[in-house]
């Protein structure tokens, strides 16, 4: 059974850091790209970052570039999102997803390419 489980969310002050984890089971990271998405209250779900573990290709949305870093540990079948310099506008439920490798790397964050979703983890940035 294919499953994605996120962890690592929580409450952090502005300027702080968090590391999210996405543990995959039932498939290997080589087959899909793994994307991180987020959804703030009243807003649409948006793609944040993605990684293709087979070749190390990564992509970041402009809003998180130079602050967030995505990485993978293939031995643990886990993808991480290191989030630094967090801002209140980063507050959202963060989801990881297995996505089809269709088109360019940025296309991996298209909602139309999502094959499986995790359950989400809340990130709140507030003083």
PDB file of N, CA and C in Angstrom:
ATOM      1  N   UNK A   1       0.851  -1.176   0.000  1.00  0.00           N
ATOM      2  CA  UNK A   1       0.000   0.000   0.000  1.00  0.00           C
ATOM      3  C   UNK A   1       0.894   1.236   0.000  1.00  0.00           C
ATOM      4  N   UNK A   2       0.658   2.132  -0.970  1.00  0.00           N
ATOM      5  CA  UNK A   2       1.452   3.339  -1.077  1.00  0.00           C
ATOM      6  C   UNK A   2       0.996   4.344  -0.033  1.00  0.00           C
ATOM      7  N   UNK A   3       1.964   4.913   0.687  1.00  0.00           N
ATOM      8  CA  UNK A   3       1.620   5.836   1.758  1.00  0.00           C
ATOM      9  C   UNK A   3       2.693   6.905   1.880  1.00  0.00           C
ATOM     10  N   UNK A   4       2.258   8.123   2.189  1.00  0.00           N
ATOM     11  CA  UNK A   4       3.149   9.237   2.469  1.00  0.00           C
ATOM     12  C   UNK A   4       2.768   9.806   3.826  1.00  0.00           C
ATOM     13  N   UNK A   5       3.740   9.945   4.716  1.00  0.00           N
ATOM     14  CA  UNK A   5       3.461  10.441   6.053  1.00  0.00           C
ATOM     15  C   UNK A   5       4.386  11.613   6.348  1.00  0.00           C
ATOM     16  N   UNK A   6       3.771  12.785   6.577  1.00  0.00           N
ATOM     17  CA  UNK A   6       4.536  13.979   6.915  1.00  0.00           C
ATOM     18  C   UNK A   6       4.703  14.103   8.425  1.00  0.00           C
ATOM     19  N   UNK A   7       5.761  14.740   8.813  1.00  0.00           N
ATOM     20  CA  UNK A   7       5.984  15.068  10.220  1.00  0.00           C
ATOM     21  C   UNK A   7       6.904  16.283  10.294  1.00  0.00           C
ATOM     22  N   UNK A   8       6.975  16.872  11.495  1.00  0.00           N
ATOM     23  CA  UNK A   8       7.904  17.977  11.707  1.00  0.00           C
ATOM     24  C   UNK A   8       7.278  19.341  11.774  1.00  0.00           C
ATOM     25  N   UNK A   9       5.985  19.440  11.580  1.00  0.00           N
ATOM     26  CA  UNK A   9       5.340  20.739  11.668  1.00  0.00           C
ATOM     27  C   UNK A   9       5.263  21.224  13.113  1.00  0.00           C
ATOM     28  N   UNK A  10       4.850  22.462  13.262  1.00  0.00           N
ATOM     29  CA  UNK A  10       4.718  23.016  14.609  1.00  0.00           C
ATOM     30  C   UNK A  10       4.624  24.518  14.580  1.00  0.00           C
ATOM     31  N   UNK A  11       4.777  25.097  15.761  1.00  0.00           N
ATOM     32  CA  UNK A  11       4.723  26.546  15.936  1.00  0.00           C
ATOM     33  C   UNK A  11       6.156  27.069  16.062  1.00  0.00           C
ATOM     34  N   UNK A  12       6.464  28.099  15.298  1.00  0.00           N
ATOM     35  CA  UNK A  12       7.803  28.678  15.329  1.00  0.00           C
ATOM     36  C   UNK A  12       7.684  30.193  15.196  1.00  0.00           C
ATOM     37  N   UNK A  13       8.625  30.906  15.785  1.00  0.00           N
ATOM     38  CA  UNK A  13       8.623  32.358  15.684  1.00  0.00           C
ATOM     39  C   UNK A  13       9.155  32.805  14.326  1.00  0.00           C
ATOM     40  N   UNK A  14       8.760  33.986  13.886  1.00  0.00           N
ATOM     41  CA  UNK A  14       9.328  34.522  12.633  1.00  0.00           C
ATOM     42  C   UNK A  14      10.851  34.530  12.684  1.00  0.00           C
ATOM     43  N   UNK A  15      11.457  34.129  11.571  1.00  0.00           N
ATOM     44  CA  UNK A  15      12.900  34.007  11.506  1.00  0.00           C
ATOM     45  C   UNK A  15      13.426  32.650  11.924  1.00  0.00           C
ATOM     46  N   UNK A  16      12.566  31.821  12.474  1.00  0.00           N
ATOM     47  CA  UNK A  16      12.972  30.503  12.931  1.00  0.00           C
ATOM     48  C   UNK A  16      13.016  29.472  11.812  1.00  0.00           C
ATOM     49  N   UNK A  17      13.291  28.226  12.219  1.00  0.00           N
ATOM     50  CA  UNK A  17      13.449  27.135  11.254  1.00  0.00           C
ATOM     51  C   UNK A  17      12.641  25.909  11.683  1.00  0.00           C
ATOM     52  N   UNK A  18      12.267  25.135  10.699  1.00  0.00           N
ATOM     53  CA  UNK A  18      11.639  23.832  10.903  1.00  0.00           C
ATOM     54  C   UNK A  18      12.115  22.906   9.798  1.00  0.00           C
ATOM     55  N   UNK A  19      12.133  21.615  10.104  1.00  0.00           N
ATOM     56  CA  UNK A  19      12.416  20.629   9.069  1.00  0.00           C
ATOM     57  C   UNK A  19      11.250  19.657   8.986  1.00  0.00           C
ATOM     58  N   UNK A  20      10.636  19.607   7.827  1.00  0.00           N
ATOM     59  CA  UNK A  20       9.557  18.662   7.579  1.00  0.00           C
ATOM     60  C   UNK A  20      10.118  17.391   6.961  1.00  0.00           C
ATOM     61  N   UNK A  21       9.498  16.275   7.311  1.00  0.00           N
ATOM     62  CA  UNK A  21       9.873  14.988   6.740  1.00  0.00           C
ATOM     63  C   UNK A  21       8.677  14.376   6.035  1.00  0.00           C
ATOM     64  N   UNK A  22       8.951  13.663   4.959  1.00  0.00           N
ATOM     65  CA  UNK A  22       7.920  12.941   4.219  1.00  0.00           C
ATOM     66  C   UNK A  22       8.436  11.516   4.013  1.00  0.00           C
ATOM     67  N   UNK A  23       7.891  10.592   4.790  1.00  0.00           N
ATOM     68  CA  UNK A  23       8.315   9.193   4.706  1.00  0.00           C
ATOM     69  C   UNK A  23       7.405   8.454   3.744  1.00  0.00           C
ATOM     70  N   UNK A  24       8.022   7.850   2.734  1.00  0.00           N
ATOM     71  CA  UNK A  24       7.257   7.132   1.714  1.00  0.00           C
ATOM     72  C   UNK A  24       7.344   5.634   1.957  1.00  0.00           C
ATOM     73  N   UNK A  25       6.247   4.939   1.715  1.00  0.00           N
ATOM     74  CA  UNK A  25       6.233   3.481   1.790  1.00  0.00           C
ATOM     75  C   UNK A  25       5.368   2.949   0.660  1.00  0.00           C
ATOM     76  N   UNK A  26       5.698   1.747   0.229  1.00  0.00           N
ATOM     77  CA  UNK A  26       4.935   1.137  -0.850  1.00  0.00           C
ATOM     78  C   UNK A  26       5.469   1.445  -2.236  1.00  0.00           C
ATOM     79  N   UNK A  27       6.477   2.301  -2.313  1.00  0.00           N
ATOM     80  CA  UNK A  27       7.116   2.602  -3.582  1.00  0.00           C
ATOM     81  C   UNK A  27       8.482   3.194  -3.276  1.00  0.00           C
ATOM     82  N   UNK A  28       9.331   3.248  -4.278  1.00  0.00           N
ATOM     83  CA  UNK A  28      10.650   3.855  -4.098  1.00  0.00           C
ATOM     84  C   UNK A  28      10.645   5.261  -4.686  1.00  0.00           C
ATOM     85  N   UNK A  29      11.508   6.097  -4.156  1.00  0.00           N
ATOM     86  CA  UNK A  29      11.547   7.495  -4.575  1.00  0.00           C
ATOM     87  C   UNK A  29      11.972   7.654  -6.031  1.00  0.00           C
ATOM     88  N   UNK A  30      12.592   6.638  -6.602  1.00  0.00           N
ATOM     89  CA  UNK A  30      13.048   6.740  -7.989  1.00  0.00           C
ATOM     90  C   UNK A  30      11.888   6.895  -8.964  1.00  0.00           C
ATOM     91  N   UNK A  31      10.734   6.335  -8.602  1.00  0.00           N
ATOM     92  CA  UNK A  31       9.656   6.234  -9.577  1.00  0.00           C
ATOM     93  C   UNK A  31       8.889   7.532  -9.747  1.00  0.00           C
ATOM     94  N   UNK A  32       8.682   8.237  -8.637  1.00  0.00           N
ATOM     95  CA  UNK A  32       7.944   9.501  -8.674  1.00  0.00           C
ATOM     96  C   UNK A  32       8.864  10.643  -8.241  1.00  0.00           C
ATOM     97  N   UNK A  33       8.487  11.842  -8.603  1.00  0.00           N
ATOM     98  CA  UNK A  33       9.045  13.008  -7.936  1.00  0.00           C
ATOM     99  C   UNK A  33       8.247  13.208  -6.653  1.00  0.00           C
ATOM    100  N   UNK A  34       8.845  13.864  -5.695  1.00  0.00           N
ATOM    101  CA  UNK A  34       8.156  14.197  -4.448  1.00  0.00           C
ATOM    102  C   UNK A  34       8.063  15.712  -4.360  1.00  0.00           C
ATOM    103  N   UNK A  35       6.871  16.185  -4.194  1.00  0.00           N
ATOM    104  CA  UNK A  35       6.645  17.619  -4.087  1.00  0.00           C
ATOM    105  C   UNK A  35       6.102  17.999  -2.722  1.00  0.00           C
ATOM    106  N   UNK A  36       6.436  19.191  -2.301  1.00  0.00           N
ATOM    107  CA  UNK A  36       5.838  19.783  -1.105  1.00  0.00           C
ATOM    108  C   UNK A  36       4.880  20.889  -1.565  1.00  0.00           C
ATOM    109  N   UNK A  37       3.687  20.832  -1.020  1.00  0.00           N
ATOM    110  CA  UNK A  37       2.662  21.810  -1.307  1.00  0.00           C
ATOM    111  C   UNK A  37       2.195  22.409   0.013  1.00  0.00           C
ATOM    112  N   UNK A  38       1.531  23.548  -0.055  1.00  0.00           N
ATOM    113  CA  UNK A  38       0.967  24.118   1.158  1.00  0.00           C
ATOM    114  C   UNK A  38      -0.358  24.789   0.846  1.00  0.00           C
ATOM    115  N   UNK A  39      -1.181  24.851   1.874  1.00  0.00           N
ATOM    116  CA  UNK A  39      -2.477  25.503   1.730  1.00  0.00           C
ATOM    117  C   UNK A  39      -2.773  26.308   2.983  1.00  0.00           C
ATOM    118  N   UNK A  40      -2.866  27.613   2.793  1.00  0.00           N
ATOM    119  CA  UNK A  40      -3.215  28.511   3.883  1.00  0.00           C
ATOM    120  C   UNK A  40      -4.733  28.669   3.922  1.00  0.00           C
ATOM    121  N   UNK A  41      -5.286  29.050   5.072  1.00  0.00           N
ATOM    122  CA  UNK A  41      -6.742  29.220   5.178  1.00  0.00           C
ATOM    123  C   UNK A  41      -7.265  30.196   4.136  1.00  0.00           C
ATOM    124  N   UNK A  42      -8.285  29.781   3.408  1.00  0.00           N
ATOM    125  CA  UNK A  42      -8.905  30.633   2.415  1.00  0.00           C
ATOM    126  C   UNK A  42      -8.148  30.771   1.120  1.00  0.00           C
ATOM    127  N   UNK A  43      -7.058  30.028   0.986  1.00  0.00           N
ATOM    128  CA  UNK A  43      -6.243  30.126  -0.235  1.00  0.00           C
ATOM    129  C   UNK A  43      -6.163  28.770  -0.930  1.00  0.00           C
ATOM    130  N   UNK A  44      -5.792  28.820  -2.194  1.00  0.00           N
ATOM    131  CA  UNK A  44      -5.631  27.585  -2.945  1.00  0.00           C
ATOM    132  C   UNK A  44      -4.323  26.883  -2.560  1.00  0.00           C
ATOM    133  N   UNK A  45      -4.308  25.588  -2.749  1.00  0.00           N
ATOM    134  CA  UNK A  45      -3.086  24.829  -2.504  1.00  0.00           C
ATOM    135  C   UNK A  45      -2.057  25.208  -3.564  1.00  0.00           C
ATOM    136  N   UNK A  46      -0.823  25.402  -3.124  1.00  0.00           N
ATOM    137  CA  UNK A  46       0.228  25.812  -4.046  1.00  0.00           C
ATOM    138  C   UNK A  46       1.459  24.948  -3.878  1.00  0.00           C
ATOM    139  N   UNK A  47       2.178  24.780  -4.971  1.00  0.00           N
ATOM    140  CA  UNK A  47       3.423  24.030  -4.929  1.00  0.00           C
ATOM    141  C   UNK A  47       4.545  24.866  -4.351  1.00  0.00           C
ATOM    142  N   UNK A  48       5.376  24.247  -3.529  1.00  0.00           N
ATOM    143  CA  UNK A  48       6.466  24.939  -2.847  1.00  0.00           C
ATOM    144  C   UNK A  48       7.817  24.496  -3.401  1.00  0.00           C
ATOM    145  N   UNK A  49       8.014  23.186  -3.459  1.00  0.00           N
ATOM    146  CA  UNK A  49       9.297  22.657  -3.901  1.00  0.00           C
ATOM    147  C   UNK A  49       9.121  21.199  -4.294  1.00  0.00           C
ATOM    148  N   UNK A  50      10.004  20.713  -5.151  1.00  0.00           N
ATOM    149  CA  UNK A  50       9.941  19.302  -5.524  1.00  0.00           C
ATOM    150  C   UNK A  50      11.345  18.793  -5.820  1.00  0.00           C
ATOM    151  N   UNK A  51      11.466  17.470  -5.791  1.00  0.00           N
ATOM    152  CA  UNK A  51      12.743  16.827  -6.051  1.00  0.00           C
ATOM    153  C   UNK A  51      12.523  15.530  -6.815  1.00  0.00           C
ATOM    154  N   UNK A  52      13.404  15.296  -7.757  1.00  0.00           N
ATOM    155  CA  UNK A  52      13.457  14.009  -8.441  1.00  0.00           C
ATOM    156  C   UNK A  52      14.678  13.286  -7.896  1.00  0.00           C
ATOM    157  N   UNK A  53      14.463  12.300  -7.056  1.00  0.00           N
ATOM    158  CA  UNK A  53      15.574  11.636  -6.371  1.00  0.00           C
ATOM    159  C   UNK A  53      16.460  10.863  -7.328  1.00  0.00           C
ATOM    160  N   UNK A  54      15.931  10.469  -8.478  1.00  0.00           N
ATOM    161  CA  UNK A  54      16.714   9.660  -9.414  1.00  0.00           C
ATOM    162  C   UNK A  54      17.870  10.452 -10.022  1.00  0.00           C
ATOM    163  N   UNK A  55      17.689  11.768 -10.191  1.00  0.00           N
ATOM    164  CA  UNK A  55      18.755  12.574 -10.774  1.00  0.00           C
ATOM    165  C   UNK A  55      19.107  13.814  -9.954  1.00  0.00           C
ATOM    166  N   UNK A  56      18.451  14.002  -8.808  1.00  0.00           N
ATOM    167  CA  UNK A  56      18.774  15.116  -7.917  1.00  0.00           C
ATOM    168  C   UNK A  56      18.208  16.449  -8.328  1.00  0.00           C
ATOM    169  N   UNK A  57      17.414  16.483  -9.362  1.00  0.00           N
ATOM    170  CA  UNK A  57      16.833  17.742  -9.835  1.00  0.00           C
ATOM    171  C   UNK A  57      15.875  18.301  -8.804  1.00  0.00           C
ATOM    172  N   UNK A  58      15.959  19.593  -8.558  1.00  0.00           N
ATOM    173  CA  UNK A  58      15.065  20.246  -7.613  1.00  0.00           C
ATOM    174  C   UNK A  58      14.457  21.497  -8.248  1.00  0.00           C
ATOM    175  N   UNK A  59      13.385  21.946  -7.632  1.00  0.00           N
ATOM    176  CA  UNK A  59      12.717  23.169  -8.080  1.00  0.00           C
ATOM    177  C   UNK A  59      12.106  23.843  -6.859  1.00  0.00           C
ATOM    178  N   UNK A  60      12.143  25.181  -6.866  1.00  0.00           N
ATOM    179  CA  UNK A  60      11.575  25.949  -5.756  1.00  0.00           C
ATOM    180  C   UNK A  60      10.679  27.052  -6.312  1.00  0.00           C
ATOM    181  N   UNK A  61       9.564  27.264  -5.658  1.00  0.00           N
ATOM    182  CA  UNK A  61       8.744  28.426  -5.970  1.00  0.00           C
ATOM    183  C   UNK A  61       9.506  29.685  -5.562  1.00  0.00           C
ATOM    184  N   UNK A  62       9.256  30.777  -6.246  1.00  0.00           N
ATOM    185  CA  UNK A  62       9.968  32.022  -5.958  1.00  0.00           C
ATOM    186  C   UNK A  62       9.801  32.459  -4.505  1.00  0.00           C
ATOM    187  N   UNK A  63       8.641  32.176  -3.940  1.00  0.00           N
ATOM    188  CA  UNK A  63       8.334  32.639  -2.581  1.00  0.00           C
ATOM    189  C   UNK A  63       9.201  31.978  -1.515  1.00  0.00           C
ATOM    190  N   UNK A  64       9.825  30.853  -1.835  1.00  0.00           N
ATOM    191  CA  UNK A  64      10.623  30.145  -0.833  1.00  0.00           C
ATOM    192  C   UNK A  64      12.082  29.968  -1.256  1.00  0.00           C
ATOM    193  N   UNK A  65      12.402  30.406  -2.455  1.00  0.00           N
ATOM    194  CA  UNK A  65      13.766  30.242  -2.962  1.00  0.00           C
ATOM    195  C   UNK A  65      14.748  30.927  -2.021  1.00  0.00           C
ATOM    196  N   UNK A  66      15.867  30.286  -1.770  1.00  0.00           N
ATOM    197  CA  UNK A  66      16.942  30.771  -0.897  1.00  0.00           C
ATOM    198  C   UNK A  66      16.593  30.670   0.586  1.00  0.00           C
ATOM    199  N   UNK A  67      15.397  30.203   0.921  1.00  0.00           N
ATOM    200  CA  UNK A  67      15.034  30.002   2.324  1.00  0.00           C
ATOM    201  C   UNK A  67      14.762  28.527   2.628  1.00  0.00           C
ATOM    202  N   UNK A  68      14.195  27.811   1.670  1.00  0.00           N
ATOM    203  CA  UNK A  68      13.847  26.408   1.851  1.00  0.00           C
ATOM    204  C   UNK A  68      14.819  25.546   1.051  1.00  0.00           C
ATOM    205  N   UNK A  69      15.096  24.361   1.585  1.00  0.00           N
ATOM    206  CA  UNK A  69      15.948  23.399   0.884  1.00  0.00           C
ATOM    207  C   UNK A  69      15.297  22.030   0.934  1.00  0.00           C
ATOM    208  N   UNK A  70      15.135  21.417  -0.225  1.00  0.00           N
ATOM    209  CA  UNK A  70      14.567  20.068  -0.304  1.00  0.00           C
ATOM    210  C   UNK A  70      15.701  19.074  -0.516  1.00  0.00           C
ATOM    211  N   UNK A  71      15.576  17.909   0.117  1.00  0.00           N
ATOM    212  CA  UNK A  71      16.594  16.877  -0.028  1.00  0.00           C
ATOM    213  C   UNK A  71      15.937  15.518   0.157  1.00  0.00           C
ATOM    214  N   UNK A  72      16.663  14.485  -0.219  1.00  0.00           N
ATOM    215  CA  UNK A  72      16.113  13.133  -0.067  1.00  0.00           C
ATOM    216  C   UNK A  72      17.159  12.192   0.470  1.00  0.00           C
ATOM    217  N   UNK A  73      16.708  11.217   1.230  1.00  0.00           N
ATOM    218  CA  UNK A  73      17.547  10.131   1.723  1.00  0.00           C
ATOM    219  C   UNK A  73      16.937   8.853   1.163  1.00  0.00           C
ATOM    220  N   UNK A  74      17.505   8.377   0.065  1.00  0.00           N
ATOM    221  CA  UNK A  74      16.906   7.230  -0.605  1.00  0.00           C
ATOM    222  C   UNK A  74      16.961   5.971   0.260  1.00  0.00           C
ATOM    223  N   UNK A  75      17.971   5.862   1.091  1.00  0.00           N
ATOM    224  CA  UNK A  75      18.075   4.688   1.964  1.00  0.00           C
ATOM    225  C   UNK A  75      16.906   4.635   2.943  1.00  0.00           C
ATOM    226  N   UNK A  76      16.437   5.816   3.355  1.00  0.00           N
ATOM    227  CA  UNK A  76      15.305   5.884   4.285  1.00  0.00           C
ATOM    228  C   UNK A  76      13.983   6.125   3.556  1.00  0.00           C
ATOM    229  N   UNK A  77      14.050   6.280   2.234  1.00  0.00           N
ATOM    230  CA  UNK A  77      12.836   6.550   1.447  1.00  0.00           C
ATOM    231  C   UNK A  77      12.092   7.776   1.996  1.00  0.00           C
ATOM    232  N   UNK A  78      12.855   8.790   2.323  1.00  0.00           N
ATOM    233  CA  UNK A  78      12.313   9.981   2.990  1.00  0.00           C
ATOM    234  C   UNK A  78      12.817  11.241   2.293  1.00  0.00           C
ATOM    235  N   UNK A  79      11.910  12.194   2.152  1.00  0.00           N
ATOM    236  CA  UNK A  79      12.245  13.514   1.602  1.00  0.00           C
ATOM    237  C   UNK A  79      12.067  14.543   2.707  1.00  0.00           C
ATOM    238  N   UNK A  80      12.982  15.507   2.745  1.00  0.00           N
ATOM    239  CA  UNK A  80      12.963  16.540   3.774  1.00  0.00           C
ATOM    240  C   UNK A  80      12.776  17.907   3.147  1.00  0.00           C
ATOM    241  N   UNK A  81      12.174  18.799   3.911  1.00  0.00           N
ATOM    242  CA  UNK A  81      12.084  20.200   3.523  1.00  0.00           C
ATOM    243  C   UNK A  81      12.601  21.023   4.695  1.00  0.00           C
ATOM    244  N   UNK A  82      13.797  21.554   4.542  1.00  0.00           N
ATOM    245  CA  UNK A  82      14.371  22.425   5.558  1.00  0.00           C
ATOM    246  C   UNK A  82      13.898  23.845   5.291  1.00  0.00           C
ATOM    247  N   UNK A  83      13.229  24.417   6.264  1.00  0.00           N
ATOM    248  CA  UNK A  83      12.639  25.745   6.114  1.00  0.00           C
ATOM    249  C   UNK A  83      13.319  26.704   7.072  1.00  0.00           C
ATOM    250  N   UNK A  84      14.023  27.674   6.539  1.00  0.00           N
ATOM    251  CA  UNK A  84      14.719  28.681   7.339  1.00  0.00           C
ATOM    252  C   UNK A  84      14.103  30.057   7.106  1.00  0.00           C
ATOM    253  N   UNK A  85      14.430  30.977   7.979  1.00  0.00           N
ATOM    254  CA  UNK A  85      13.948  32.359   7.858  1.00  0.00           C
ATOM    255  C   UNK A  85      12.439  32.402   7.632  1.00  0.00           C
ATOM    256  N   UNK A  86      11.734  31.662   8.433  1.00  0.00           N
ATOM    257  CA  UNK A  86      10.292  31.530   8.248  1.00  0.00           C
ATOM    258  C   UNK A  86       9.578  32.854   8.499  1.00  0.00           C
ATOM    259  N   UNK A  87       8.528  33.063   7.728  1.00  0.00           N
ATOM    260  CA  UNK A  87       7.724  34.284   7.793  1.00  0.00           C
ATOM    261  C   UNK A  87       6.284  33.912   8.159  1.00  0.00           C
ATOM    262  N   UNK A  88       5.537  34.853   8.713  1.00  0.00           N
ATOM    263  CA  UNK A  88       4.125  34.561   9.016  1.00  0.00           C
ATOM    264  C   UNK A  88       3.355  34.074   7.784  1.00  0.00           C
ATOM    265  N   UNK A  89       3.705  34.555   6.622  1.00  0.00           N
ATOM    266  CA  UNK A  89       2.996  34.123   5.405  1.00  0.00           C
ATOM    267  C   UNK A  89       3.335  32.703   4.981  1.00  0.00           C
ATOM    268  N   UNK A  90       4.276  32.073   5.660  1.00  0.00           N
ATOM    269  CA  UNK A  90       4.549  30.651   5.414  1.00  0.00           C
ATOM    270  C   UNK A  90       3.588  29.751   6.188  1.00  0.00           C
ATOM    271  N   UNK A  91       2.769  30.340   7.038  1.00  0.00           N
ATOM    272  CA  UNK A  91       1.801  29.571   7.812  1.00  0.00           C
ATOM    273  C   UNK A  91       0.817  28.872   6.892  1.00  0.00           C
ATOM    274  N   UNK A  92       0.709  27.556   7.043  1.00  0.00           N
ATOM    275  CA  UNK A  92      -0.153  26.752   6.173  1.00  0.00           C
ATOM    276  C   UNK A  92      -0.098  25.308   6.629  1.00  0.00           C
ATOM    277  N   UNK A  93      -0.978  24.496   6.068  1.00  0.00           N
ATOM    278  CA  UNK A  93      -0.830  23.049   6.157  1.00  0.00           C
ATOM    279  C   UNK A  93       0.057  22.630   4.998  1.00  0.00           C
ATOM    280  N   UNK A  94       1.110  21.906   5.327  1.00  0.00           N
ATOM    281  CA  UNK A  94       2.060  21.459   4.316  1.00  0.00           C
ATOM    282  C   UNK A  94       1.818  19.982   4.000  1.00  0.00           C
ATOM    283  N   UNK A  95       1.739  19.702   2.724  1.00  0.00           N
ATOM    284  CA  UNK A  95       1.494  18.345   2.242  1.00  0.00           C
ATOM    285  C   UNK A  95       2.656  17.896   1.368  1.00  0.00           C
ATOM    286  N   UNK A  96       3.037  16.646   1.494  1.00  0.00           N
ATOM    287  CA  UNK A  96       3.923  16.096   0.480  1.00  0.00           C
ATOM    288  C   UNK A  96       3.082  15.220  -0.452  1.00  0.00           C
ATOM    289  N   UNK A  97       3.578  15.055  -1.649  1.00  0.00           N
ATOM    290  CA  UNK A  97       2.846  14.298  -2.648  1.00  0.00           C
ATOM    291  C   UNK A  97       3.819  13.606  -3.596  1.00  0.00           C
ATOM    292  N   UNK A  98       3.417  12.458  -4.057  1.00  0.00           N
ATOM    293  CA  UNK A  98       4.140  11.769  -5.122  1.00  0.00           C
ATOM    294  C   UNK A  98       3.557  12.268  -6.435  1.00  0.00           C
ATOM    295  N   UNK A  99       4.429  12.768  -7.299  1.00  0.00           N
ATOM    296  CA  UNK A  99       3.946  13.357  -8.547  1.00  0.00           C
ATOM    297  C   UNK A  99       4.593  12.679  -9.746  1.00  0.00           C
ATOM    298  N   UNK A 100       3.848  12.681 -10.844  1.00  0.00           N
ATOM    299  CA  UNK A 100       4.383  12.098 -12.073  1.00  0.00           C
ATOM    300  C   UNK A 100       5.432  13.031 -12.669  1.00  0.00           C
ATOM    301  N   UNK A 101       6.474  12.425 -13.218  1.00  0.00           N
ATOM    302  CA  UNK A 101       7.551  13.215 -13.832  1.00  0.00           C
ATOM    303  C   UNK A 101       7.167  13.511 -15.280  1.00  0.00           C
ATOM    304  N   UNK A 102       6.312  14.504 -15.420  1.00  0.00           N
ATOM    305  CA  UNK A 102       5.816  14.907 -16.734  1.00  0.00           C
ATOM    306  C   UNK A 102       6.259  16.324 -17.008  1.00  0.00           C
ATOM    307  N   UNK A 103       6.874  16.554 -18.155  1.00  0.00           N
ATOM    308  CA  UNK A 103       7.298  17.900 -18.507  1.00  0.00           C
ATOM    309  C   UNK A 103       8.565  18.302 -17.791  1.00  0.00           C
ATOM    310  N   UNK A 104       8.722  19.625 -17.575  1.00  0.00           N
ATOM    311  CA  UNK A 104       9.895  20.139 -16.871  1.00  0.00           C
ATOM    312  C   UNK A 104       9.750  19.932 -15.364  1.00  0.00           C
ATOM    313  N   UNK A 105      10.851  20.144 -14.652  1.00  0.00           N
ATOM    314  CA  UNK A 105      10.839  19.937 -13.200  1.00  0.00           C
ATOM    315  C   UNK A 105       9.770  20.782 -12.531  1.00  0.00           C
ATOM    316  N   UNK A 106       9.579  22.002 -13.003  1.00  0.00           N
ATOM    317  CA  UNK A 106       8.548  22.864 -12.415  1.00  0.00           C
ATOM    318  C   UNK A 106       7.159  22.274 -12.587  1.00  0.00           C
ATOM    319  N   UNK A 107       6.973  21.480 -13.645  1.00  0.00           N
ATOM    320  CA  UNK A 107       5.670  20.848 -13.891  1.00  0.00           C
ATOM    321  C   UNK A 107       5.344  19.779 -12.859  1.00  0.00           C
ATOM    322  N   UNK A 108       6.368  19.280 -12.162  1.00  0.00           N
ATOM    323  CA  UNK A 108       6.123  18.254 -11.136  1.00  0.00           C
ATOM    324  C   UNK A 108       5.249  18.819 -10.010  1.00  0.00           C
ATOM    325  N   UNK A 109       5.195  20.167  -9.895  1.00  0.00           N
ATOM    326  CA  UNK A 109       4.376  20.793  -8.862  1.00  0.00           C
ATOM    327  C   UNK A 109       2.972  21.143  -9.355  1.00  0.00           C
ATOM    328  N   UNK A 110       2.649  20.696 -10.547  1.00  0.00           N
ATOM    329  CA  UNK A 110       1.278  20.914 -11.018  1.00  0.00           C
ATOM    330  C   UNK A 110       0.346  19.980 -10.271  1.00  0.00           C
ATOM    331  N   UNK A 111      -0.765  20.526  -9.792  1.00  0.00           N
ATOM    332  CA  UNK A 111      -1.734  19.690  -9.070  1.00  0.00           C
ATOM    333  C   UNK A 111      -2.252  18.569  -9.960  1.00  0.00           C
ATOM    334  N   UNK A 112      -2.250  18.788 -11.263  1.00  0.00           N
ATOM    335  CA  UNK A 112      -2.726  17.760 -12.195  1.00  0.00           C
ATOM    336  C   UNK A 112      -1.791  16.555 -12.245  1.00  0.00           C
ATOM    337  N   UNK A 113      -0.542  16.733 -11.782  1.00  0.00           N
ATOM    338  CA  UNK A 113       0.437  15.647 -11.832  1.00  0.00           C
ATOM    339  C   UNK A 113       0.552  14.873 -10.525  1.00  0.00           C
ATOM    340  N   UNK A 114      -0.256  15.209  -9.549  1.00  0.00           N
ATOM    341  CA  UNK A 114      -0.182  14.520  -8.263  1.00  0.00           C
ATOM    342  C   UNK A 114      -0.825  13.144  -8.350  1.00  0.00           C
ATOM    343  N   UNK A 115      -0.069  12.132  -7.929  1.00  0.00           N
ATOM    344  CA  UNK A 115      -0.582  10.765  -7.907  1.00  0.00           C
ATOM    345  C   UNK A 115      -1.103  10.399  -6.514  1.00  0.00           C
ATOM    346  N   UNK A 116      -0.369  10.810  -5.476  1.00  0.00           N
ATOM    347  CA  UNK A 116      -0.752  10.470  -4.103  1.00  0.00           C
ATOM    348  C   UNK A 116      -0.413  11.634  -3.181  1.00  0.00           C
ATOM    349  N   UNK A 117      -1.276  11.838  -2.191  1.00  0.00           N
ATOM    350  CA  UNK A 117      -1.086  12.881  -1.190  1.00  0.00           C
ATOM    351  C   UNK A 117      -0.789  12.287   0.178  1.00  0.00           C
ATOM    352  N   UNK A 118      -0.006  13.027   0.957  1.00  0.00           N
ATOM    353  CA  UNK A 118       0.085  12.734   2.371  1.00  0.00           C
ATOM    354  C   UNK A 118      -1.052  13.422   3.101  1.00  0.00           C
ATOM    355  N   UNK A 119      -1.078  13.271   4.441  1.00  0.00           N
ATOM    356  CA  UNK A 119      -2.210  13.790   5.218  1.00  0.00           C
ATOM    357  C   UNK A 119      -2.018  15.234   5.630  1.00  0.00           C
ATOM    358  N   UNK A 120      -0.801  15.748   5.546  1.00  0.00           N
ATOM    359  CA  UNK A 120      -0.528  17.143   5.866  1.00  0.00           C
ATOM    360  C   UNK A 120      -0.023  17.342   7.275  1.00  0.00           C
ATOM    361  N   UNK A 121       0.736  18.418   7.462  1.00  0.00           N
ATOM    362  CA  UNK A 121       1.235  18.803   8.781  1.00  0.00           C
ATOM    363  C   UNK A 121       1.164  20.325   8.884  1.00  0.00           C
ATOM    364  N   UNK A 122       0.708  20.809  10.045  1.00  0.00           N
ATOM    365  CA  UNK A 122       0.486  22.236  10.229  1.00  0.00           C
ATOM    366  C   UNK A 122       1.795  22.942  10.568  1.00  0.00           C
ATOM    367  N   UNK A 123       2.050  24.036   9.878  1.00  0.00           N
ATOM    368  CA  UNK A 123       3.171  24.922  10.196  1.00  0.00           C
ATOM    369  C   UNK A 123       2.592  26.296  10.512  1.00  0.00           C
ATOM    370  N   UNK A 124       2.890  26.794  11.697  1.00  0.00           N
ATOM    371  CA  UNK A 124       2.410  28.098  12.115  1.00  0.00           C
ATOM    372  C   UNK A 124       3.603  28.965  12.491  1.00  0.00           C
ATOM    373  N   UNK A 125       3.701  30.111  11.834  1.00  0.00           N
ATOM    374  CA  UNK A 125       4.790  31.050  12.100  1.00  0.00           C
ATOM    375  C   UNK A 125       4.177  32.285  12.753  1.00  0.00           C
ATOM    376  N   UNK A 126       4.457  32.449  14.028  1.00  0.00           N
ATOM    377  CA  UNK A 126       3.824  33.526  14.772  1.00  0.00           C
ATOM    378  C   UNK A 126       4.646  33.846  16.009  1.00  0.00           C
ATOM    379  N   UNK A 127       4.629  35.118  16.392  1.00  0.00           N
ATOM    380  CA  UNK A 127       5.292  35.510  17.629  1.00  0.00           C
ATOM    381  C   UNK A 127       4.323  35.483  18.797  1.00  0.00           C
TER     382      UNK A 127
END
